[in-house]
Amino acid sequence: MKKIIRICAEKNSKLETLAITKGIIIITFNEKNNFAYGVGYKAQGGGSWGDYHIIGALQEDSLWSFGIGNFQPFDGFYDEYAETASKICKNFDIEDAKKYFDNSDENSMYSLSNKFKIDLYDDTIKKKCSEKEKEYFDFDKDGFPNDKGEFYDYKFCFLTDIVGYEEHAGYLWYNNDECDDVNIDLEDEIPYISSLIPGKIHFMR
């Protein structure tokens, strides 16, 4: 799958295997490389978490146009996705988009997005986090975290899943691009896409 992944996370001195996720952009491209479908998430303060769908269309001048709309692309709001697309192109095909929005394979946009925004109810945390972290999360005998705990409202990613990250301005920035055959200038498009997604985190490249 041709894809672009951007992750912003924050280290915490109490966490050993995990980082706190602050922002996510994941974009895939269709077989013709003329449409892009993606998902964007940003922490928005007060424990809130914004989720958005992303649609891009390659124009006749070989430049890309992108639109952002409410709701992540896995929620089935196909009319909303079509409305977003209508603002940037006239040839959007929802059936083509569904191939990527409705795909839940291991390497799909859906599975990747979940990989980088794990909450404390995810069994992966209990299996892979350290004993020290388990103490902070304060799981009860049934495996549920303390809903009054310091980390209860956060989303997480494992540091092993963002190997190669760069540390800048107090955050960890992870990039993974697998789209060499796509004609797109990521240096321009990623900051623009990020600017369309509400939240304090901004991806610069």
Protein backbone atom coordinates (compact mmCIF):
# COMPACT_ATOMS: atom_id res chain seq x y z
CA MET A 1 0.00 0.00 0.00
CA LYS A 2 1.37 3.42 -1.00
CA LYS A 3 1.25 5.53 2.11
CA ILE A 4 2.44 8.55 4.05
CA ILE A 5 2.64 8.41 7.84
CA ARG A 6 3.27 11.32 10.18
CA ILE A 7 3.24 10.90 13.95
CA CYS A 8 3.82 13.48 16.66
CA ALA A 9 4.24 12.14 20.19
CA GLU A 10 5.47 13.36 23.53
CA LYS A 11 7.79 11.61 25.93
CA ASN A 12 6.89 11.42 29.59
CA SER A 13 9.48 10.69 32.28
CA LYS A 14 7.16 8.13 33.90
CA LEU A 15 6.74 6.10 30.71
CA GLU A 16 9.36 3.61 29.50
CA THR A 17 7.90 1.88 26.45
CA LEU A 18 5.21 4.39 25.42
CA ALA A 19 4.89 7.96 24.21
CA ILE A 20 1.76 10.11 24.37
CA THR A 21 0.34 10.62 20.88
CA LYS A 22 -0.37 14.23 19.93
CA GLY A 23 -1.06 14.05 16.21
CA ILE A 24 -1.42 11.61 13.33
CA ILE A 25 -1.66 11.96 9.56
CA ILE A 26 -1.96 8.82 7.45
CA ILE A 27 -2.60 9.06 3.71
CA THR A 28 -2.92 6.34 1.09
CA PHE A 29 -3.09 6.61 -2.70
CA ASN A 30 -5.31 4.79 -5.15
CA GLU A 31 -4.00 2.57 -7.93
CA LYS A 32 -4.01 5.38 -10.51
CA ASN A 33 -2.15 7.73 -8.16
CA ASN A 34 -4.73 10.42 -8.86
CA PHE A 35 -6.65 10.31 -5.56
CA ALA A 36 -5.45 10.31 -1.97
CA TYR A 37 -7.49 9.14 1.01
CA GLY A 38 -6.45 9.75 4.57
CA VAL A 39 -7.16 10.29 8.22
CA GLY A 40 -5.97 13.00 10.57
CA TYR A 41 -6.04 13.19 14.35
CA LYS A 42 -4.88 15.89 16.73
CA ALA A 43 -5.07 16.28 20.49
CA GLN A 44 -7.04 19.45 21.14
CA GLY A 45 -6.63 20.01 24.85
CA GLY A 46 -8.71 19.08 27.86
CA GLY A 47 -8.57 15.41 26.94
CA SER A 48 -10.42 16.00 23.65
CA TRP A 49 -9.26 14.38 20.43
CA GLY A 50 -10.28 15.57 16.96
CA ASP A 51 -10.62 13.12 14.08
CA TYR A 52 -10.98 14.02 10.40
CA HIS A 53 -11.01 12.49 6.96
CA ILE A 54 -8.66 13.67 4.23
CA ILE A 55 -9.29 13.59 0.48
CA GLY A 56 -6.81 14.67 -2.18
CA ALA A 57 -7.21 14.92 -5.94
CA LEU A 58 -4.53 15.32 -8.61
CA GLN A 59 -5.48 18.22 -10.86
CA GLU A 60 -4.91 18.67 -14.59
CA ASP A 61 -1.90 20.89 -13.88
CA SER A 62 -0.30 17.95 -11.98
CA LEU A 63 -0.73 19.71 -8.65
CA TRP A 64 -2.69 18.24 -5.74
CA SER A 65 -5.70 19.73 -4.00
CA PHE A 66 -6.68 18.52 -0.53
CA GLY A 67 -9.81 18.81 1.56
CA ILE A 68 -10.50 17.96 5.20
CA GLY A 69 -13.83 17.08 6.77
CA ASN A 70 -15.24 16.04 10.12
CA PHE A 71 -15.39 12.36 11.05
CA GLN A 72 -12.68 9.80 10.50
CA PRO A 73 -13.03 7.89 7.22
CA PHE A 74 -13.96 4.63 8.91
CA ASP A 75 -17.27 5.84 10.33
CA GLY A 76 -19.32 5.30 7.17
CA PHE A 77 -20.37 8.92 6.59
CA TYR A 78 -20.04 8.58 2.82
CA ASP A 79 -22.13 11.68 2.08
CA GLU A 80 -19.72 13.73 4.19
CA TYR A 81 -16.72 12.34 2.32
CA ALA A 82 -18.35 13.11 -1.03
CA GLU A 83 -19.12 16.66 0.16
CA THR A 84 -15.46 17.17 1.10
CA ALA A 85 -14.35 15.86 -2.30
CA SER A 86 -16.82 18.08 -4.18
CA LYS A 87 -14.90 21.15 -3.00
CA ILE A 88 -11.72 20.07 -4.78
CA CYS A 89 -12.80 17.95 -7.78
CA LYS A 90 -15.71 16.77 -9.91
CA ASN A 91 -14.69 13.14 -10.52
CA PHE A 92 -14.67 11.70 -7.00
CA ASP A 93 -15.70 8.04 -6.92
CA ILE A 94 -16.94 6.89 -3.51
CA GLU A 95 -16.58 3.25 -4.53
CA ASP A 96 -12.88 3.79 -5.13
CA ALA A 97 -12.57 5.54 -1.76
CA LYS A 98 -14.35 2.68 0.01
CA LYS A 99 -11.56 0.31 -1.02
CA TYR A 100 -9.31 2.24 1.34
CA PHE A 101 -11.74 3.57 3.94
CA ASP A 102 -13.41 0.20 4.56
CA ASN A 103 -10.23 -1.90 4.47
CA SER A 104 -9.22 -3.33 7.85
CA ASP A 105 -6.27 -5.47 6.78
CA GLU A 106 -3.11 -5.38 8.89
CA ASN A 107 -1.42 -2.73 6.73
CA SER A 108 -4.57 -0.70 6.05
CA MET A 109 -5.11 2.93 6.97
CA TYR A 110 -7.55 1.78 9.66
CA SER A 111 -5.12 -0.64 11.31
CA LEU A 112 -2.22 1.77 11.12
CA SER A 113 -4.22 4.60 12.68
CA ASN A 114 -5.22 2.36 15.59
CA LYS A 115 -1.60 1.30 16.05
CA PHE A 116 -0.56 4.86 16.84
CA LYS A 117 -3.47 5.88 19.09
CA ILE A 118 -3.82 3.12 21.65
CA ASP A 119 -5.82 3.77 24.80
CA LEU A 120 -5.52 2.03 28.15
CA TYR A 121 -8.31 -0.41 27.33
CA ASP A 122 -6.27 -1.91 24.50
CA ASP A 123 -4.91 -5.35 25.45
CA THR A 124 -1.63 -4.54 23.70
CA ILE A 125 -0.76 -2.09 26.47
CA LYS A 126 -1.17 -4.67 29.21
CA LYS A 127 0.89 -7.18 27.21
CA LYS A 128 3.78 -4.93 26.22
CA CYS A 129 4.09 -2.10 28.74
CA SER A 130 6.55 -2.25 31.63
CA GLU A 131 5.69 -3.18 35.21
CA LYS A 132 6.37 0.40 36.24
CA GLU A 133 3.90 1.66 33.65
CA LYS A 134 1.29 -0.83 34.82
CA GLU A 135 1.59 0.65 38.28
CA TYR A 136 0.91 4.14 36.94
CA PHE A 137 -2.07 2.90 34.91
CA ASP A 138 -3.40 1.10 38.00
CA PHE A 139 -5.24 -1.76 36.30
CA ASP A 140 -7.80 -3.49 38.52
CA LYS A 141 -8.28 -7.26 38.82
CA ASP A 142 -10.44 -7.22 35.69
CA GLY A 143 -7.80 -5.38 33.68
CA PHE A 144 -9.49 -1.97 33.63
CA PRO A 145 -7.40 1.18 34.20
CA ASN A 146 -8.08 3.65 36.95
CA ASP A 147 -10.45 6.20 35.38
CA LYS A 148 -9.09 8.83 37.78
CA GLY A 149 -5.49 8.09 36.83
CA GLU A 150 -3.02 10.57 35.38
CA PHE A 151 -2.88 8.88 31.98
CA TYR A 152 -6.48 7.76 31.62
CA ASP A 153 -7.53 10.21 28.87
CA TYR A 154 -4.42 9.89 26.71
CA LYS A 155 -3.69 8.05 23.48
CA PHE A 156 -0.36 6.26 23.15
CA CYS A 157 2.07 4.75 20.70
CA PHE A 158 4.91 2.35 21.45
CA LEU A 159 8.38 3.80 21.01
CA THR A 160 9.30 0.67 19.06
CA ASP A 161 6.70 1.66 16.44
CA ILE A 162 8.26 5.07 15.81
CA VAL A 163 11.91 4.04 15.57
CA GLY A 164 13.93 6.70 13.77
CA TYR A 165 11.88 9.60 15.14
CA GLU A 166 13.43 13.06 15.39
CA GLU A 167 13.18 15.03 18.61
CA HIS A 168 12.32 18.70 18.21
CA ALA A 169 10.58 21.35 20.35
CA GLY A 170 9.81 18.80 23.05
CA TYR A 171 8.08 16.34 20.71
CA LEU A 172 8.97 13.18 18.83
CA TRP A 173 8.35 13.42 15.06
CA TYR A 174 8.10 10.23 13.02
CA ASN A 175 7.93 10.11 9.21
CA ASN A 176 7.42 7.11 6.95
CA ASP A 177 6.92 7.61 3.21
CA GLU A 178 6.26 4.71 0.85
CA CYS A 179 5.02 6.54 -2.23
CA ASP A 180 7.98 6.96 -4.56
CA ASP A 181 5.86 6.52 -7.69
CA VAL A 182 3.38 9.23 -6.66
CA ASN A 183 3.94 12.68 -8.13
CA ILE A 184 3.54 14.78 -4.99
CA ASP A 185 5.64 17.42 -3.22
CA LEU A 186 5.41 16.39 0.42
CA GLU A 187 7.45 19.38 1.59
CA ASP A 188 4.55 21.59 0.50
CA GLU A 189 1.53 19.33 0.93
CA ILE A 190 2.11 17.98 4.46
CA PRO A 191 2.25 21.44 6.10
CA TYR A 192 -0.82 22.49 4.12
CA ILE A 193 -2.80 19.38 5.10
CA SER A 194 -1.74 19.82 8.72
CA SER A 195 -2.90 23.45 8.68
CA LEU A 196 -6.40 22.30 7.71
CA ILE A 197 -6.67 20.02 10.77
CA PRO A 198 -7.62 21.87 13.99
CA GLY A 199 -5.18 21.53 16.88
CA LYS A 200 -1.97 22.97 18.29
CA ILE A 201 0.35 20.41 16.70
CA HIS A 202 1.62 21.29 13.23
CA PHE A 203 3.49 18.93 10.90
CA MET A 204 6.09 20.90 8.95
CA ARG A 205 7.19 18.17 6.50
